[in-house]
């Protein structure tokens, strides 16, 4: 066992890359759940975003265009879920699970001809001046643009939810949709837009996996990232900055276990591989044991405008 080969600078830099797709999906789902809707189809939207973004990037040689189409694909897929749960009043849990299965099937079909092909990827963007700082520069300020965009999205969501009228209305709909409806707010429209935003963010997260983290297409390559994103929303108590913290903690554990495997730590590989998921489950159990943890009051409840 040789731990001297683990570089803290590379560890932190890799952590940010590993956390980015989960962070994008988690911040989108935070907005969805803040509106009072529970969408368990994050994994399906991520994998569709991954395959659509990959196909676009390969055929256009433009990873940026791949991210755009991935966001659109995720948003379009989310409209299926939104239509079923908002207009046809279907069960949100069952519909979300169905959306994941549909997404996995669509991605396997579309991606079959592209297996084994490498895609163009985003180049690192070194922030002027800051990237030249010793240690901190390579660690924090020399990443691809999507790492910074994901943090900006978190900041924008936090600001909108906390300081704008749109955020106030969204939170009101999530807390008490009947009262919001009585005040004249368009509950269905607000939730539909929130669901589409969540789908777009999940699509971006999926594309990040296939275009940056592992620039190739492999069936099922999201490997449960959507489920982890859902868990992080709960871990974060539906707060944007806590979602960032949760995603980075999970990314850190994931990267650390890979480094420990490479260093030859005398722990079975299987235990190291499942450690990020076990830690996530443990944290959720501890949070649940505390009782009230800030969930929107109308989360998962169907809205009937006639009430």
Protein backbone atom coordinates (compact mmCIF):
# COMPACT_ATOMS: atom_id res chain seq x y z
CA UNK A 1 0.00 0.00 0.00
CA UNK A 2 1.43 3.38 -1.08
CA UNK A 3 -0.63 6.45 -0.19
CA UNK A 4 2.13 8.87 -1.19
CA UNK A 5 0.93 8.71 -4.78
CA UNK A 6 -2.40 10.41 -3.88
CA UNK A 7 -2.09 14.09 -4.73
CA UNK A 8 -4.45 16.38 -2.77
CA UNK A 9 -4.51 18.84 -5.69
CA UNK A 10 -5.55 16.18 -8.20
CA UNK A 11 -7.96 14.71 -5.63
CA UNK A 12 -9.86 18.00 -5.22
CA UNK A 13 -9.80 18.69 -8.97
CA UNK A 14 -11.15 15.21 -9.71
CA UNK A 15 -13.76 15.63 -6.98
CA UNK A 16 -15.23 18.66 -8.76
CA UNK A 17 -15.45 16.79 -12.06
CA UNK A 18 -17.01 13.74 -10.41
CA UNK A 19 -19.59 15.83 -8.56
CA UNK A 20 -20.72 18.04 -11.47
CA UNK A 21 -23.26 15.68 -13.16
CA UNK A 22 -24.86 14.83 -9.81
CA UNK A 23 -24.94 18.49 -8.82
CA UNK A 24 -26.68 19.49 -12.07
CA UNK A 25 -29.33 16.80 -11.66
CA UNK A 26 -29.78 17.56 -7.95
CA UNK A 27 -30.26 21.30 -8.38
CA UNK A 28 -32.85 20.68 -11.10
CA UNK A 29 -34.72 18.21 -8.91
CA UNK A 30 -34.56 20.68 -6.00
CA UNK A 31 -36.57 23.17 -8.06
CA UNK A 32 -39.04 20.45 -9.11
CA UNK A 33 -39.63 19.34 -5.52
CA UNK A 34 -39.82 22.93 -4.30
CA UNK A 35 -42.85 23.25 -6.58
CA UNK A 36 -44.45 20.27 -4.83
CA UNK A 37 -43.77 17.54 -7.42
CA UNK A 38 -41.73 14.39 -6.81
CA UNK A 39 -40.05 13.22 -10.02
CA UNK A 40 -38.23 9.90 -9.66
CA UNK A 41 -37.38 9.88 -13.36
CA UNK A 42 -34.08 11.76 -12.95
CA UNK A 43 -32.02 8.72 -13.96
CA UNK A 44 -34.03 8.31 -17.17
CA UNK A 45 -33.64 11.97 -18.12
CA UNK A 46 -29.92 11.87 -17.38
CA UNK A 47 -29.28 8.82 -19.57
CA UNK A 48 -31.29 10.31 -22.45
CA UNK A 49 -29.32 13.54 -22.10
CA UNK A 50 -26.11 11.51 -22.12
CA UNK A 51 -26.91 9.69 -25.36
CA UNK A 52 -28.43 12.68 -27.20
CA UNK A 53 -25.54 14.94 -26.20
CA UNK A 54 -23.02 12.29 -27.25
CA UNK A 55 -24.67 11.69 -30.64
CA UNK A 56 -24.85 15.43 -31.31
CA UNK A 57 -21.23 16.03 -30.31
CA UNK A 58 -19.96 13.14 -32.44
CA UNK A 59 -21.89 14.24 -35.53
CA UNK A 60 -21.20 17.97 -35.21
CA UNK A 61 -17.79 17.82 -33.45
CA UNK A 62 -19.24 20.42 -31.06
CA UNK A 63 -19.52 19.35 -27.40
CA UNK A 64 -21.18 22.69 -26.60
CA UNK A 65 -23.99 21.89 -29.04
CA UNK A 66 -24.16 18.45 -27.46
CA UNK A 67 -24.92 20.02 -24.08
CA UNK A 68 -27.62 22.22 -25.62
CA UNK A 69 -29.40 19.28 -27.27
CA UNK A 70 -29.01 17.19 -24.11
CA UNK A 71 -30.79 19.88 -22.09
CA UNK A 72 -33.56 20.05 -24.69
CA UNK A 73 -33.90 16.24 -24.73
CA UNK A 74 -34.13 16.10 -20.92
CA UNK A 75 -36.72 18.89 -20.88
CA UNK A 76 -38.81 17.23 -23.62
CA UNK A 77 -38.75 13.87 -21.83
CA UNK A 78 -39.82 15.59 -18.62
CA UNK A 79 -42.91 16.97 -20.39
CA UNK A 80 -44.21 13.39 -20.65
CA UNK A 81 -44.00 13.09 -16.88
CA UNK A 82 -45.47 16.57 -16.38
CA UNK A 83 -48.42 15.87 -18.68
CA UNK A 84 -49.26 12.58 -16.99
CA UNK A 85 -49.05 13.80 -13.39
CA UNK A 86 -50.42 17.33 -13.83
CA UNK A 87 -53.20 16.80 -16.36
CA UNK A 88 -54.06 13.10 -16.03
CA UNK A 89 -53.38 12.99 -12.26
CA UNK A 90 -51.28 9.83 -12.46
CA UNK A 91 -49.31 8.66 -9.43
CA UNK A 92 -46.05 10.62 -9.26
CA UNK A 93 -43.93 7.78 -7.89
CA UNK A 94 -45.08 5.21 -10.44
CA UNK A 95 -44.86 7.68 -13.33
CA UNK A 96 -41.35 8.73 -12.34
CA UNK A 97 -40.19 5.12 -12.17
CA UNK A 98 -41.78 4.51 -15.57
CA UNK A 99 -39.94 7.54 -16.96
CA UNK A 100 -36.63 6.06 -15.83
CA UNK A 101 -37.40 2.76 -17.56
CA UNK A 102 -38.42 4.58 -20.74
CA UNK A 103 -35.25 6.67 -20.66
CA UNK A 104 -33.04 3.62 -20.23
CA UNK A 105 -34.77 1.90 -23.15
CA UNK A 106 -34.58 4.90 -25.48
CA UNK A 107 -30.90 5.49 -24.68
CA UNK A 108 -30.00 1.84 -25.33
CA UNK A 109 -31.74 1.99 -28.71
CA UNK A 110 -30.26 5.33 -29.82
CA UNK A 111 -26.77 4.64 -28.51
CA UNK A 112 -26.24 1.16 -29.98
CA UNK A 113 -24.52 2.39 -33.19
CA UNK A 114 -22.23 4.69 -31.19
CA UNK A 115 -20.66 2.21 -28.78
CA UNK A 116 -16.87 2.30 -28.80
CA UNK A 117 -16.67 5.78 -30.37
CA UNK A 118 -14.86 8.61 -28.59
CA UNK A 119 -16.53 12.01 -28.55
CA UNK A 120 -15.01 15.49 -28.69
CA UNK A 121 -14.81 16.92 -25.20
CA UNK A 122 -14.72 20.33 -23.54
CA UNK A 123 -11.30 21.88 -23.08
CA UNK A 124 -10.22 23.22 -19.72
CA UNK A 125 -10.94 26.90 -19.19
CA UNK A 126 -8.30 28.54 -17.06
CA UNK A 127 -9.68 31.58 -15.27
CA UNK A 128 -7.24 34.48 -15.84
CA UNK A 129 -5.06 35.38 -12.83
CA UNK A 130 -6.84 32.92 -10.51
CA UNK A 131 -5.56 29.87 -12.40
CA UNK A 132 -1.97 31.09 -11.82
CA UNK A 133 -2.30 30.89 -8.03
CA UNK A 134 -0.02 28.10 -6.74
CA UNK A 135 -1.91 24.98 -5.61
CA UNK A 136 -5.35 26.67 -5.64
CA UNK A 137 -5.11 27.53 -9.34
CA UNK A 138 -4.84 23.97 -10.70
CA UNK A 139 -7.19 22.73 -7.98
CA UNK A 140 -10.12 25.14 -8.38
CA UNK A 141 -9.69 27.42 -11.39
CA UNK A 142 -8.55 25.21 -14.28
CA UNK A 143 -11.66 23.18 -15.09
CA UNK A 144 -13.94 22.83 -18.07
CA UNK A 145 -16.71 25.47 -18.37
CA UNK A 146 -19.52 23.15 -17.18
CA UNK A 147 -17.98 22.90 -13.71
CA UNK A 148 -18.34 26.67 -13.32
CA UNK A 149 -21.74 26.75 -15.03
CA UNK A 150 -23.07 24.17 -12.55
CA UNK A 151 -21.99 26.39 -9.64
CA UNK A 152 -23.54 29.43 -11.33
CA UNK A 153 -26.82 27.52 -11.75
CA UNK A 154 -26.81 26.74 -8.02
CA UNK A 155 -26.21 30.42 -7.22
CA UNK A 156 -28.96 31.51 -9.64
CA UNK A 157 -31.48 29.02 -8.20
CA UNK A 158 -30.65 30.12 -4.65
CA UNK A 159 -31.08 33.79 -5.57
CA UNK A 160 -34.35 33.23 -7.46
CA UNK A 161 -35.89 31.10 -4.71
CA UNK A 162 -34.84 33.45 -1.92
CA UNK A 163 -35.09 36.96 -3.35
CA UNK A 164 -37.49 37.06 -6.30
CA UNK A 165 -41.24 36.99 -6.71
CA UNK A 166 -40.98 33.98 -9.03
CA UNK A 167 -39.19 32.06 -6.28
CA UNK A 168 -41.75 33.13 -3.70
CA UNK A 169 -44.62 31.92 -5.90
CA UNK A 170 -42.84 28.63 -6.62
CA UNK A 171 -42.31 28.01 -2.92
CA UNK A 172 -45.90 28.96 -2.17
CA UNK A 173 -47.15 26.43 -4.71
CA UNK A 174 -44.95 23.76 -3.14
CA UNK A 175 -46.07 24.54 0.39
CA UNK A 176 -49.82 24.88 -0.19
CA UNK A 177 -51.06 24.54 -3.75
CA UNK A 178 -54.71 25.10 -2.79
CA UNK A 179 -53.93 28.44 -1.14
CA UNK A 180 -51.74 29.45 -4.08
CA UNK A 181 -54.55 28.56 -6.48
CA UNK A 182 -57.03 30.56 -4.41
CA UNK A 183 -54.75 33.59 -4.73
CA UNK A 184 -54.85 33.25 -8.51
CA UNK A 185 -51.51 31.59 -9.21
CA UNK A 186 -51.36 29.10 -12.10
CA UNK A 187 -50.29 26.01 -10.16
CA UNK A 188 -50.23 23.65 -13.17
CA UNK A 189 -48.24 26.08 -15.32
CA UNK A 190 -45.72 26.79 -12.57
CA UNK A 191 -45.17 23.11 -11.87
CA UNK A 192 -44.91 22.31 -15.58
CA UNK A 193 -42.13 24.87 -16.03
CA UNK A 194 -40.34 23.64 -12.89
CA UNK A 195 -40.44 20.06 -14.18
CA UNK A 196 -39.02 21.14 -17.54
CA UNK A 197 -36.21 23.02 -15.79
CA UNK A 198 -35.42 19.90 -13.76
CA UNK A 199 -35.41 17.81 -16.95
CA UNK A 200 -33.03 20.23 -18.67
CA UNK A 201 -30.62 20.14 -15.73
CA UNK A 202 -30.74 16.33 -15.62
CA UNK A 203 -30.01 16.25 -19.36
CA UNK A 204 -26.98 18.50 -18.82
CA UNK A 205 -25.78 16.21 -16.04
CA UNK A 206 -26.08 13.16 -18.26
CA UNK A 207 -24.25 14.87 -21.12
CA UNK A 208 -21.43 15.78 -18.74
CA UNK A 209 -20.87 12.10 -18.04
CA UNK A 210 -20.70 11.09 -21.72
CA UNK A 211 -18.84 14.16 -23.00
CA UNK A 212 -16.42 15.06 -20.19
CA UNK A 213 -16.10 12.55 -17.38
CA UNK A 214 -16.04 9.51 -19.68
CA UNK A 215 -16.03 10.82 -23.28
CA UNK A 216 -17.64 7.77 -24.85
CA UNK A 217 -21.02 6.07 -24.91
CA UNK A 218 -21.73 2.97 -22.83
CA UNK A 219 -25.22 1.65 -22.17
CA UNK A 220 -26.36 2.52 -18.65
CA UNK A 221 -23.32 4.72 -18.05
CA UNK A 222 -25.12 7.01 -15.58
CA UNK A 223 -24.90 4.03 -13.20
CA UNK A 224 -27.36 5.31 -10.60
CA UNK A 225 -26.26 8.96 -10.64
CA UNK A 226 -29.91 10.04 -10.90
CA UNK A 227 -30.83 8.14 -7.75
CA UNK A 228 -27.91 9.69 -5.89
CA UNK A 229 -29.10 13.13 -7.04
CA UNK A 230 -32.53 12.39 -5.57
CA UNK A 231 -30.93 11.38 -2.28
CA UNK A 232 -28.82 14.54 -2.22
CA UNK A 233 -31.94 16.71 -2.53
CA UNK A 234 -33.19 15.16 0.72
CA UNK A 235 -29.71 15.40 2.28
CA UNK A 236 -29.68 19.10 1.37
CA UNK A 237 -33.11 19.70 2.95
CA UNK A 238 -34.19 21.24 -0.38
CA UNK A 239 -31.59 24.04 -0.10
CA UNK A 240 -29.42 24.82 -3.18
CA UNK A 241 -26.10 25.41 -1.43
CA UNK A 242 -26.49 22.27 0.65
CA UNK A 243 -27.11 20.38 -2.59
CA UNK A 244 -23.73 21.64 -3.80
CA UNK A 245 -22.14 20.46 -0.56
CA UNK A 246 -23.82 17.06 -0.79
CA UNK A 247 -22.78 16.54 -4.42
CA UNK A 248 -19.19 17.46 -3.64
CA UNK A 249 -19.12 15.17 -0.61
CA UNK A 250 -20.37 12.27 -2.70
CA UNK A 251 -17.91 13.15 -5.48
CA UNK A 252 -15.11 13.27 -2.92
CA UNK A 253 -15.92 9.84 -1.50
CA UNK A 254 -16.15 8.40 -5.03
CA UNK A 255 -12.78 9.81 -6.08
CA UNK A 256 -11.14 8.84 -2.79
CA UNK A 257 -12.22 5.20 -3.07
CA UNK A 258 -10.79 5.06 -6.61
CA UNK A 259 -7.49 6.47 -5.37
CA UNK A 260 -7.43 4.02 -2.48
CA UNK A 261 -7.96 1.15 -4.92
CA UNK A 262 -5.05 2.41 -7.04
CA UNK A 263 -2.87 2.72 -3.92
CA UNK A 264 -3.49 -0.93 -3.10
CA UNK A 265 -5.31 -0.49 0.21
CA UNK A 266 -5.95 -3.87 1.82
CA UNK A 267 -9.74 -3.58 1.59
CA UNK A 268 -11.72 -5.63 -0.95
CA UNK A 269 -12.47 -3.61 -4.09
CA UNK A 270 -16.17 -4.40 -3.74
CA UNK A 271 -16.33 -2.67 -0.35
CA UNK A 272 -14.54 0.41 -1.66
CA UNK A 273 -16.80 0.60 -4.73
CA UNK A 274 -19.99 0.51 -2.70
CA UNK A 275 -18.74 2.89 0.01
CA UNK A 276 -20.13 6.10 -1.62
CA UNK A 277 -23.61 4.59 -1.79
CA UNK A 278 -23.44 3.19 1.75
CA UNK A 279 -22.38 6.56 3.11
CA UNK A 280 -25.24 8.25 1.22
CA UNK A 281 -27.76 5.80 2.69
CA UNK A 282 -26.31 6.28 6.19
CA UNK A 283 -26.60 10.07 5.94
CA UNK A 284 -30.22 9.81 4.74
CA UNK A 285 -31.09 7.47 7.63
CA UNK A 286 -29.61 9.93 10.13
CA UNK A 287 -31.52 12.84 8.56
CA UNK A 288 -34.78 10.88 8.52
CA UNK A 289 -34.34 9.99 12.19
CA UNK A 290 -34.43 13.70 13.02
CA UNK A 291 -38.04 13.93 11.83
CA UNK A 292 -39.06 17.21 10.18
CA UNK A 293 -36.33 18.16 7.70
CA UNK A 294 -37.89 20.88 5.56
CA UNK A 295 -39.77 19.04 2.82
CA UNK A 296 -42.34 21.17 0.94
CA UNK A 297 -45.73 20.52 2.53
CA UNK A 298 -47.46 19.68 -0.77
CA UNK A 299 -44.66 17.44 -2.07
CA UNK A 300 -46.12 14.46 -3.93
CA UNK A 301 -49.73 15.54 -3.47
CA UNK A 302 -52.00 15.75 -6.52
CA UNK A 303 -53.54 19.12 -7.29
CA UNK A 304 -57.19 19.38 -8.35
CA UNK A 305 -58.09 22.86 -9.60
CA UNK A 306 -61.78 22.21 -8.85
CA UNK A 307 -61.15 21.93 -5.12
